[in-house]
Amino acid sequence: MNKDAQMRAGINQKLIETGERERLKELLRAQLIECGWKDQLKAHCKEGNSGLIK
């Protein structure tokens, strides 16, 4: 494992141990919903699928 991968793994482990990873995920999820990203993604997927359903 290279140095970057080791550092990432260590940081990820600390985030998991402290519960900070879940907190950050929830914060990101809330911000994405607030800015409308989730709705935009759903609309984009529906547009993409409309050509498949006939």
PDB file of N, CA and C in Angstrom:
ATOM      1  N   MET A   1       0.858  -1.177   0.000  1.00  0.00           N
ATOM      2  CA  MET A   1       0.000   0.000   0.000  1.00  0.00           C
ATOM      3  C   MET A   1       0.905   1.241   0.000  1.00  0.00           C
ATOM      4  N   ASN A   2       0.621   2.193  -0.916  1.00  0.00           N
ATOM      5  CA  ASN A   2       1.466   3.378  -0.967  1.00  0.00           C
ATOM      6  C   ASN A   2       1.126   4.334   0.173  1.00  0.00           C
ATOM      7  N   LYS A   3       1.931   5.382   0.297  1.00  0.00           N
ATOM      8  CA  LYS A   3       1.795   6.304   1.418  1.00  0.00           C
ATOM      9  C   LYS A   3       0.444   7.028   1.428  1.00  0.00           C
ATOM     10  N   ASP A   4      -0.035   7.453   0.251  1.00  0.00           N
ATOM     11  CA  ASP A   4      -1.330   8.128   0.171  1.00  0.00           C
ATOM     12  C   ASP A   4      -2.465   7.219   0.626  1.00  0.00           C
ATOM     13  N   ALA A   5      -2.438   5.985   0.167  1.00  0.00           N
ATOM     14  CA  ALA A   5      -3.480   5.031   0.538  1.00  0.00           C
ATOM     15  C   ALA A   5      -3.453   4.755   2.037  1.00  0.00           C
ATOM     16  N   GLN A   6      -2.265   4.660   2.613  1.00  0.00           N
ATOM     17  CA  GLN A   6      -2.145   4.440   4.053  1.00  0.00           C
ATOM     18  C   GLN A   6      -2.707   5.629   4.826  1.00  0.00           C
ATOM     19  N   MET A   7      -2.404   6.833   4.351  1.00  0.00           N
ATOM     20  CA  MET A   7      -2.891   8.028   5.018  1.00  0.00           C
ATOM     21  C   MET A   7      -4.419   8.100   4.935  1.00  0.00           C
ATOM     22  N   ARG A   8      -4.970   7.825   3.747  1.00  0.00           N
ATOM     23  CA  ARG A   8      -6.426   7.814   3.576  1.00  0.00           C
ATOM     24  C   ARG A   8      -7.088   6.803   4.500  1.00  0.00           C
ATOM     25  N   ALA A   9      -6.506   5.610   4.551  1.00  0.00           N
ATOM     26  CA  ALA A   9      -7.064   4.558   5.398  1.00  0.00           C
ATOM     27  C   ALA A   9      -7.034   4.972   6.868  1.00  0.00           C
ATOM     28  N   GLY A  10      -5.957   5.602   7.290  1.00  0.00           N
ATOM     29  CA  GLY A  10      -5.840   6.055   8.675  1.00  0.00           C
ATOM     30  C   GLY A  10      -6.851   7.132   9.015  1.00  0.00           C
ATOM     31  N   ILE A  11      -7.010   8.093   8.114  1.00  0.00           N
ATOM     32  CA  ILE A  11      -7.985   9.167   8.322  1.00  0.00           C
ATOM     33  C   ILE A  11      -9.395   8.599   8.356  1.00  0.00           C
ATOM     34  N   ASN A  12      -9.694   7.730   7.407  1.00  0.00           N
ATOM     35  CA  ASN A  12     -11.020   7.106   7.354  1.00  0.00           C
ATOM     36  C   ASN A  12     -11.307   6.336   8.647  1.00  0.00           C
ATOM     37  N   GLN A  13     -10.335   5.613   9.141  1.00  0.00           N
ATOM     38  CA  GLN A  13     -10.504   4.838  10.374  1.00  0.00           C
ATOM     39  C   GLN A  13     -10.801   5.760  11.553  1.00  0.00           C
ATOM     40  N   LYS A  14     -10.062   6.875  11.650  1.00  0.00           N
ATOM     41  CA  LYS A  14     -10.297   7.836  12.735  1.00  0.00           C
ATOM     42  C   LYS A  14     -11.696   8.439  12.639  1.00  0.00           C
ATOM     43  N   LEU A  15     -12.112   8.781  11.416  1.00  0.00           N
ATOM     44  CA  LEU A  15     -13.447   9.352  11.229  1.00  0.00           C
ATOM     45  C   LEU A  15     -14.524   8.368  11.661  1.00  0.00           C
ATOM     46  N   ILE A  16     -14.330   7.105  11.337  1.00  0.00           N
ATOM     47  CA  ILE A  16     -15.291   6.071  11.726  1.00  0.00           C
ATOM     48  C   ILE A  16     -15.308   5.902  13.247  1.00  0.00           C
ATOM     49  N   GLU A  17     -14.132   5.830  13.852  1.00  0.00           N
ATOM     50  CA  GLU A  17     -14.026   5.620  15.303  1.00  0.00           C
ATOM     51  C   GLU A  17     -14.683   6.746  16.093  1.00  0.00           C
ATOM     52  N   THR A  18     -14.548   7.973  15.607  1.00  0.00           N
ATOM     53  CA  THR A  18     -15.080   9.121  16.346  1.00  0.00           C
ATOM     54  C   THR A  18     -16.536   9.418  16.009  1.00  0.00           C
ATOM     55  N   GLY A  19     -17.056   8.755  14.972  1.00  0.00           N
ATOM     56  CA  GLY A  19     -18.429   9.025  14.556  1.00  0.00           C
ATOM     57  C   GLY A  19     -18.539  10.244  13.645  1.00  0.00           C
ATOM     58  N   GLU A  20     -17.422  10.867  13.368  1.00  0.00           N
ATOM     59  CA  GLU A  20     -17.409  12.075  12.541  1.00  0.00           C
ATOM     60  C   GLU A  20     -17.791  11.771  11.093  1.00  0.00           C
ATOM     61  N   ARG A  21     -17.482  10.574  10.626  1.00  0.00           N
ATOM     62  CA  ARG A  21     -17.808  10.208   9.244  1.00  0.00           C
ATOM     63  C   ARG A  21     -19.314  10.246   9.014  1.00  0.00           C
ATOM     64  N   GLU A  22     -20.077   9.678   9.930  1.00  0.00           N
ATOM     65  CA  GLU A  22     -21.537   9.685   9.809  1.00  0.00           C
ATOM     66  C   GLU A  22     -22.083  11.105   9.891  1.00  0.00           C
ATOM     67  N   ARG A  23     -21.518  11.905  10.793  1.00  0.00           N
ATOM     68  CA  ARG A  23     -21.969  13.283  10.936  1.00  0.00           C
ATOM     69  C   ARG A  23     -21.736  14.058   9.645  1.00  0.00           C
ATOM     70  N   LEU A  24     -20.572  13.870   9.047  1.00  0.00           N
ATOM     71  CA  LEU A  24     -20.251  14.553   7.788  1.00  0.00           C
ATOM     72  C   LEU A  24     -21.151  14.082   6.650  1.00  0.00           C
ATOM     73  N   LYS A  25     -21.449  12.787   6.611  1.00  0.00           N
ATOM     74  CA  LYS A  25     -22.352  12.258   5.581  1.00  0.00           C
ATOM     75  C   LYS A  25     -23.734  12.875   5.709  1.00  0.00           C
ATOM     76  N   GLU A  26     -24.240  12.979   6.927  1.00  0.00           N
ATOM     77  CA  GLU A  26     -25.561  13.562   7.152  1.00  0.00           C
ATOM     78  C   GLU A  26     -25.576  15.041   6.784  1.00  0.00           C
ATOM     79  N   LEU A  27     -24.512  15.756   7.130  1.00  0.00           N
ATOM     80  CA  LEU A  27     -24.401  17.170   6.785  1.00  0.00           C
ATOM     81  C   LEU A  27     -24.393  17.357   5.274  1.00  0.00           C
ATOM     82  N   LEU A  28     -23.615  16.553   4.572  1.00  0.00           N
ATOM     83  CA  LEU A  28     -23.564  16.623   3.112  1.00  0.00           C
ATOM     84  C   LEU A  28     -24.919  16.297   2.503  1.00  0.00           C
ATOM     85  N   ARG A  29     -25.572  15.260   2.994  1.00  0.00           N
ATOM     86  CA  ARG A  29     -26.886  14.872   2.494  1.00  0.00           C
ATOM     87  C   ARG A  29     -27.884  16.022   2.658  1.00  0.00           C
ATOM     88  N   ALA A  30     -27.878  16.647   3.823  1.00  0.00           N
ATOM     89  CA  ALA A  30     -28.801  17.756   4.089  1.00  0.00           C
ATOM     90  C   ALA A  30     -28.526  18.939   3.159  1.00  0.00           C
ATOM     91  N   GLN A  31     -27.257  19.243   2.929  1.00  0.00           N
ATOM     92  CA  GLN A  31     -26.911  20.369   2.063  1.00  0.00           C
ATOM     93  C   GLN A  31     -27.272  20.083   0.606  1.00  0.00           C
ATOM     94  N   LEU A  32     -27.096  18.841   0.161  1.00  0.00           N
ATOM     95  CA  LEU A  32     -27.461  18.486  -1.206  1.00  0.00           C
ATOM     96  C   LEU A  32     -28.968  18.579  -1.416  1.00  0.00           C
ATOM     97  N   ILE A  33     -29.723  18.148  -0.423  1.00  0.00           N
ATOM     98  CA  ILE A  33     -31.181  18.246  -0.513  1.00  0.00           C
ATOM     99  C   ILE A  33     -31.596  19.708  -0.513  1.00  0.00           C
ATOM    100  N   GLU A  34     -30.994  20.507   0.359  1.00  0.00           N
ATOM    101  CA  GLU A  34     -31.336  21.928   0.479  1.00  0.00           C
ATOM    102  C   GLU A  34     -31.098  22.694  -0.821  1.00  0.00           C
ATOM    103  N   CYS A  35     -30.044  22.369  -1.532  1.00  0.00           N
ATOM    104  CA  CYS A  35     -29.735  23.108  -2.759  1.00  0.00           C
ATOM    105  C   CYS A  35     -30.465  22.544  -3.982  1.00  0.00           C
ATOM    106  N   GLY A  36     -31.247  21.467  -3.794  1.00  0.00           N
ATOM    107  CA  GLY A  36     -32.041  20.925  -4.875  1.00  0.00           C
ATOM    108  C   GLY A  36     -31.323  19.890  -5.731  1.00  0.00           C
ATOM    109  N   TRP A  37     -30.136  19.497  -5.335  1.00  0.00           N
ATOM    110  CA  TRP A  37     -29.352  18.552  -6.132  1.00  0.00           C
ATOM    111  C   TRP A  37     -30.085  17.231  -6.298  1.00  0.00           C
ATOM    112  N   LYS A  38     -30.691  16.747  -5.229  1.00  0.00           N
ATOM    113  CA  LYS A  38     -31.374  15.445  -5.287  1.00  0.00           C
ATOM    114  C   LYS A  38     -32.516  15.492  -6.297  1.00  0.00           C
ATOM    115  N   ASP A  39     -33.306  16.560  -6.268  1.00  0.00           N
ATOM    116  CA  ASP A  39     -34.416  16.699  -7.209  1.00  0.00           C
ATOM    117  C   ASP A  39     -33.910  16.830  -8.646  1.00  0.00           C
ATOM    118  N   GLN A  40     -32.817  17.553  -8.826  1.00  0.00           N
ATOM    119  CA  GLN A  40     -32.234  17.707 -10.166  1.00  0.00           C
ATOM    120  C   GLN A  40     -31.747  16.367 -10.694  1.00  0.00           C
ATOM    121  N   LEU A  41     -31.132  15.578  -9.840  1.00  0.00           N
ATOM    122  CA  LEU A  41     -30.639  14.267 -10.249  1.00  0.00           C
ATOM    123  C   LEU A  41     -31.797  13.353 -10.636  1.00  0.00           C
ATOM    124  N   LYS A  42     -32.877  13.374  -9.843  1.00  0.00           N
ATOM    125  CA  LYS A  42     -34.052  12.558 -10.169  1.00  0.00           C
ATOM    126  C   LYS A  42     -34.623  12.964 -11.530  1.00  0.00           C
ATOM    127  N   ALA A  43     -34.734  14.272 -11.767  1.00  0.00           N
ATOM    128  CA  ALA A  43     -35.274  14.757 -13.034  1.00  0.00           C
ATOM    129  C   ALA A  43     -34.377  14.328 -14.189  1.00  0.00           C
ATOM    130  N   HIS A  44     -33.076  14.424 -13.983  1.00  0.00           N
ATOM    131  CA  HIS A  44     -32.120  14.032 -15.023  1.00  0.00           C
ATOM    132  C   HIS A  44     -32.257  12.542 -15.343  1.00  0.00           C
ATOM    133  N   CYS A  45     -32.412  11.720 -14.319  1.00  0.00           N
ATOM    134  CA  CYS A  45     -32.567  10.276 -14.527  1.00  0.00           C
ATOM    135  C   CYS A  45     -33.862   9.964 -15.278  1.00  0.00           C
ATOM    136  N   LYS A  46     -34.933  10.664 -14.918  1.00  0.00           N
ATOM    137  CA  LYS A  46     -36.199  10.443 -15.607  1.00  0.00           C
ATOM    138  C   LYS A  46     -36.084  10.821 -17.069  1.00  0.00           C
ATOM    139  N   GLU A  47     -35.395  11.912 -17.372  1.00  0.00           N
ATOM    140  CA  GLU A  47     -35.191  12.333 -18.764  1.00  0.00           C
ATOM    141  C   GLU A  47     -34.395  11.280 -19.524  1.00  0.00           C
ATOM    142  N   GLY A  48     -33.369  10.758 -18.886  1.00  0.00           N
ATOM    143  CA  GLY A  48     -32.537   9.748 -19.530  1.00  0.00           C
ATOM    144  C   GLY A  48     -33.277   8.458 -19.773  1.00  0.00           C
ATOM    145  N   ASN A  49     -34.172   8.104 -18.869  1.00  0.00           N
ATOM    146  CA  ASN A  49     -34.920   6.850 -18.995  1.00  0.00           C
ATOM    147  C   ASN A  49     -36.109   6.971 -19.932  1.00  0.00           C
ATOM    148  N   SER A  50     -36.570   8.173 -20.194  1.00  0.00           N
ATOM    149  CA  SER A  50     -37.755   8.325 -21.038  1.00  0.00           C
ATOM    150  C   SER A  50     -37.511   7.797 -22.450  1.00  0.00           C
ATOM    151  N   GLY A  51     -36.287   7.829 -22.910  1.00  0.00           N
ATOM    152  CA  GLY A  51     -35.975   7.303 -24.225  1.00  0.00           C
ATOM    153  C   GLY A  51     -35.954   5.784 -24.261  1.00  0.00           C
ATOM    154  N   LEU A  52     -35.822   5.166 -23.096  1.00  0.00           N
ATOM    155  CA  LEU A  52     -35.758   3.712 -23.023  1.00  0.00           C
ATOM    156  C   LEU A  52     -37.141   3.075 -22.960  1.00  0.00           C
ATOM    157  N   ILE A  53     -38.100   3.805 -22.433  1.00  0.00           N
ATOM    158  CA  ILE A  53     -39.444   3.263 -22.233  1.00  0.00           C
ATOM    159  C   ILE A  53     -40.337   3.691 -23.400  1.00  0.00           C
ATOM    160  N   LYS A  54     -40.781   2.733 -24.174  1.00  0.00           N
ATOM    161  CA  LYS A  54     -41.648   3.036 -25.321  1.00  0.00           C
ATOM    162  C   LYS A  54     -42.720   2.014 -25.441  1.00  0.00           C
TER     163      LYS A  54
END
